[in-house]
Amino acid sequence: MGSSQKDSWDDACCCLASKCFSGASFKTGAGSVTETIHKLLLDYSPAFGVVLSKTEIQKFLEYYELIQDWNRKINLTRLESPADFARFHILESCLIPPRIEADINSLVDLGSGAGLPGIPIAIMRPLLMVSLIESNLKKAIFLKEVCRTLRLENVEVIRNRFENLESGRWECLTTRAIESFSQMLPHIERLSSGCRQVFLLCNPELASLIEVRFSDQWMFHQELVPESRNRILVSLTALQVSRETAEPLVSRET
């Protein structure tokens, strides 16, 4: 991105952020909801096998408040009940960080939207460089504001269509299933060609499609998201031969 493009991007961020925050207050009238989210995160986290630190919980509460305020101005997400937000937005995303191999340094989140699962991953893995891909200008500006407010120095926001991205830059890829997910699959395949791990949040039908499509080059694993009936976390681990070691990164017997 050239300097003039960067300046325009920064100006757009400041302009929209000021509009979205005009007259907004994170604390006034929001305390009870924030306290509810706090309690729900603590109550549900054992079922997800997730242990959250005080710092992580505080960042998730700030993140929730940002989503609430910005959602009044732009269509970020269909806000569900606090319980659903805690379970299927935050804690669902928190299933991924412990499953990312320790020596993986970079991750790309395709179609990040409101920042899920990318933002929770970045909060829980502060040494992991996370790229959030979002083509919608307003949503991309929201993501930059989240990173600024939460002081997430390990996150970059890339305003682009994933179709235009080059493969080979990231070691791990994540995305949540969207309505056009089947149309995304060829691009996910292309972008994952240089990855060691891929994590997809989807329904059982899409999980079956992914298993068939990726079976030749990936070890497939799926698990039901806790507290849900039809949410699946698909984990793919690369089977391709390492150019440096000339040995399989993972064998099917392990």
Foldseek 3Di string as FASTA:
>chain_A
DDPVVVVVLVVVLVVVVCVLCPVDDLPVPCVVVLVVLLVLLVVCLVLLVDDDDPLLSVLVSVLVSLCVSNCVPPPQDDDDRSNCCSQVFQSLLVSPQVVDDPPFAEEEEAQCRSNPPNVNNCSVVLRHQYEYEHQDSSSLSSVVVSCVVSVRPSYDYDRDHLVPDQAQPGAEYEYEDDPCNVVCVVSCVRNCPNYFKYKYKYFPVVLVVCCVVCVPFWDWDWDDRPPDDTIIIIMTGGQDADPVPRHGPDDPVD
